[in-house]
Amino acid sequence: MNNLITILLQCSICTKTATQLGEDAARGLNGGILYLAAAPLIIVGYIGYRWWKNNNE
């Protein structure tokens, strides 16, 4: 499952770069992609939660 998430989060340029860099650098690149994707998801999730909570009161 983790490999599927890693594969889905990479664009074609990132995939090509990761294959050329090697295993350790590719893992670092994947970690960076996940880190950058997490921030907007957390913000949107928080806004959605507050909206849902205010509508249910």
N, C-alpha and C. Protein backbone atom coordinates (compact mmCIF):
# COMPACT_ATOMS: atom_id res chain seq x y z
N MET A 1 0.83 -1.19 0.00
CA MET A 1 0.00 0.00 0.00
C MET A 1 0.87 1.25 0.00
N ASN A 2 1.93 1.25 0.79
CA ASN A 2 2.81 2.41 0.85
C ASN A 2 3.47 2.68 -0.50
N ASN A 3 3.85 1.62 -1.21
CA ASN A 3 4.46 1.81 -2.53
C ASN A 3 3.47 2.41 -3.51
N LEU A 4 2.20 2.02 -3.41
CA LEU A 4 1.18 2.56 -4.29
C LEU A 4 1.02 4.05 -4.06
N ILE A 5 0.99 4.48 -2.81
CA ILE A 5 0.88 5.91 -2.50
C ILE A 5 2.09 6.66 -3.03
N THR A 6 3.26 6.10 -2.86
CA THR A 6 4.49 6.73 -3.33
C THR A 6 4.47 6.89 -4.84
N ILE A 7 4.02 5.87 -5.54
CA ILE A 7 3.97 5.91 -7.00
C ILE A 7 2.96 6.94 -7.47
N LEU A 8 1.81 7.00 -6.84
CA LEU A 8 0.75 7.90 -7.28
C LEU A 8 1.08 9.36 -7.04
N LEU A 9 1.96 9.66 -6.10
CA LEU A 9 2.27 11.05 -5.77
C LEU A 9 3.39 11.64 -6.62
N GLN A 10 3.94 10.88 -7.54
CA GLN A 10 5.05 11.39 -8.33
C GLN A 10 4.60 11.74 -9.75
N CYS A 11 5.02 12.91 -10.21
CA CYS A 11 4.79 13.26 -11.61
C CYS A 11 5.86 12.56 -12.46
N SER A 12 5.73 12.65 -13.76
CA SER A 12 6.67 11.95 -14.63
C SER A 12 8.09 12.49 -14.50
N ILE A 13 8.24 13.78 -14.30
CA ILE A 13 9.58 14.36 -14.16
C ILE A 13 10.22 13.89 -12.86
N CYS A 14 9.43 13.87 -11.78
CA CYS A 14 9.96 13.41 -10.49
C CYS A 14 10.35 11.94 -10.55
N THR A 15 9.56 11.14 -11.25
CA THR A 15 9.87 9.72 -11.38
C THR A 15 11.18 9.52 -12.13
N LYS A 16 11.37 10.25 -13.22
CA LYS A 16 12.61 10.14 -13.99
C LYS A 16 13.81 10.59 -13.16
N THR A 17 13.66 11.67 -12.44
CA THR A 17 14.74 12.17 -11.58
C THR A 17 15.06 11.18 -10.48
N ALA A 18 14.03 10.61 -9.86
CA ALA A 18 14.24 9.67 -8.76
C ALA A 18 14.97 8.42 -9.22
N THR A 19 14.67 7.94 -10.41
CA THR A 19 15.35 6.74 -10.89
C THR A 19 16.82 7.02 -11.19
N GLN A 20 17.15 8.24 -11.57
CA GLN A 20 18.54 8.58 -11.86
C GLN A 20 19.35 8.87 -10.61
N LEU A 21 18.70 9.27 -9.52
CA LEU A 21 19.42 9.66 -8.31
C LEU A 21 19.89 8.48 -7.47
N GLY A 22 19.17 7.39 -7.50
CA GLY A 22 19.50 6.26 -6.66
C GLY A 22 18.47 6.08 -5.56
N GLU A 23 18.64 5.02 -4.78
CA GLU A 23 17.64 4.61 -3.79
C GLU A 23 17.47 5.61 -2.65
N ASP A 24 18.55 6.05 -2.04
CA ASP A 24 18.44 6.96 -0.89
C ASP A 24 17.88 8.32 -1.28
N ALA A 25 18.35 8.86 -2.38
CA ALA A 25 17.85 10.16 -2.83
C ALA A 25 16.39 10.06 -3.27
N ALA A 26 16.01 8.94 -3.86
CA ALA A 26 14.63 8.75 -4.28
C ALA A 26 13.70 8.70 -3.07
N ARG A 27 14.15 8.05 -2.02
CA ARG A 27 13.34 8.02 -0.78
C ARG A 27 13.21 9.42 -0.19
N GLY A 28 14.28 10.19 -0.23
CA GLY A 28 14.22 11.57 0.25
C GLY A 28 13.27 12.42 -0.59
N LEU A 29 13.30 12.23 -1.90
CA LEU A 29 12.39 12.95 -2.78
C LEU A 29 10.94 12.57 -2.50
N ASN A 30 10.69 11.28 -2.30
CA ASN A 30 9.34 10.82 -1.98
C ASN A 30 8.88 11.39 -0.64
N GLY A 31 9.77 11.44 0.33
CA GLY A 31 9.42 12.03 1.62
C GLY A 31 9.08 13.50 1.49
N GLY A 32 9.82 14.21 0.66
CA GLY A 32 9.53 15.62 0.42
C GLY A 32 8.19 15.83 -0.25
N ILE A 33 7.86 14.97 -1.19
CA ILE A 33 6.57 15.06 -1.87
C ILE A 33 5.44 14.81 -0.88
N LEU A 34 5.60 13.81 -0.03
CA LEU A 34 4.56 13.54 0.98
C LEU A 34 4.43 14.69 1.96
N TYR A 35 5.55 15.29 2.35
CA TYR A 35 5.53 16.42 3.27
C TYR A 35 4.81 17.62 2.65
N LEU A 36 5.11 17.90 1.39
CA LEU A 36 4.46 19.02 0.72
C LEU A 36 2.98 18.76 0.47
N ALA A 37 2.60 17.51 0.29
CA ALA A 37 1.18 17.18 0.08
C ALA A 37 0.41 17.21 1.39
N ALA A 38 1.07 16.96 2.50
CA ALA A 38 0.38 16.87 3.79
C ALA A 38 -0.10 18.24 4.27
N ALA A 39 0.66 19.28 4.06
CA ALA A 39 0.29 20.60 4.58
C ALA A 39 -1.05 21.09 4.02
N PRO A 40 -1.28 21.09 2.71
CA PRO A 40 -2.59 21.54 2.22
C PRO A 40 -3.72 20.62 2.65
N LEU A 41 -3.46 19.32 2.73
CA LEU A 41 -4.51 18.39 3.17
C LEU A 41 -4.91 18.65 4.61
N ILE A 42 -3.95 18.95 5.46
CA ILE A 42 -4.26 19.26 6.86
C ILE A 42 -5.07 20.55 6.95
N ILE A 43 -4.68 21.56 6.19
CA ILE A 43 -5.40 22.83 6.23
C ILE A 43 -6.83 22.66 5.73
N VAL A 44 -7.01 21.99 4.60
CA VAL A 44 -8.35 21.76 4.06
C VAL A 44 -9.17 20.89 5.01
N GLY A 45 -8.54 19.89 5.60
CA GLY A 45 -9.24 19.05 6.57
C GLY A 45 -9.70 19.83 7.78
N TYR A 46 -8.88 20.72 8.27
CA TYR A 46 -9.25 21.55 9.42
C TYR A 46 -10.41 22.48 9.08
N ILE A 47 -10.33 23.12 7.93
CA ILE A 47 -11.42 24.01 7.50
C ILE A 47 -12.71 23.21 7.32
N GLY A 48 -12.62 22.04 6.71
CA GLY A 48 -13.80 21.20 6.53
C GLY A 48 -14.39 20.74 7.85
N TYR A 49 -13.54 20.40 8.79
CA TYR A 49 -14.02 19.97 10.11
C TYR A 49 -14.73 21.12 10.81
N ARG A 50 -14.15 22.32 10.80
CA ARG A 50 -14.78 23.47 11.45
C ARG A 50 -16.12 23.80 10.79
N TRP A 51 -16.18 23.70 9.47
CA TRP A 51 -17.41 23.97 8.74
C TRP A 51 -18.48 22.96 9.13
N TRP A 52 -18.10 21.69 9.15
CA TRP A 52 -19.03 20.62 9.52
C TRP A 52 -19.51 20.80 10.96
N LYS A 53 -18.58 21.14 11.85
CA LYS A 53 -18.93 21.31 13.26
C LYS A 53 -19.90 22.49 13.45
N ASN A 54 -19.66 23.59 12.76
CA ASN A 54 -20.54 24.76 12.86
C ASN A 54 -21.92 24.49 12.26
N ASN A 55 -22.01 23.68 11.23
CA ASN A 55 -23.30 23.35 10.62
C ASN A 55 -24.11 22.40 11.47
N ASN A 56 -23.47 21.60 12.30
CA ASN A 56 -24.18 20.62 13.13
C ASN A 56 -24.60 21.19 14.48
N GLU A 57 -24.24 22.40 14.79
CA GLU A 57 -24.62 22.99 16.09
C GLU A 57 -25.98 23.62 16.06
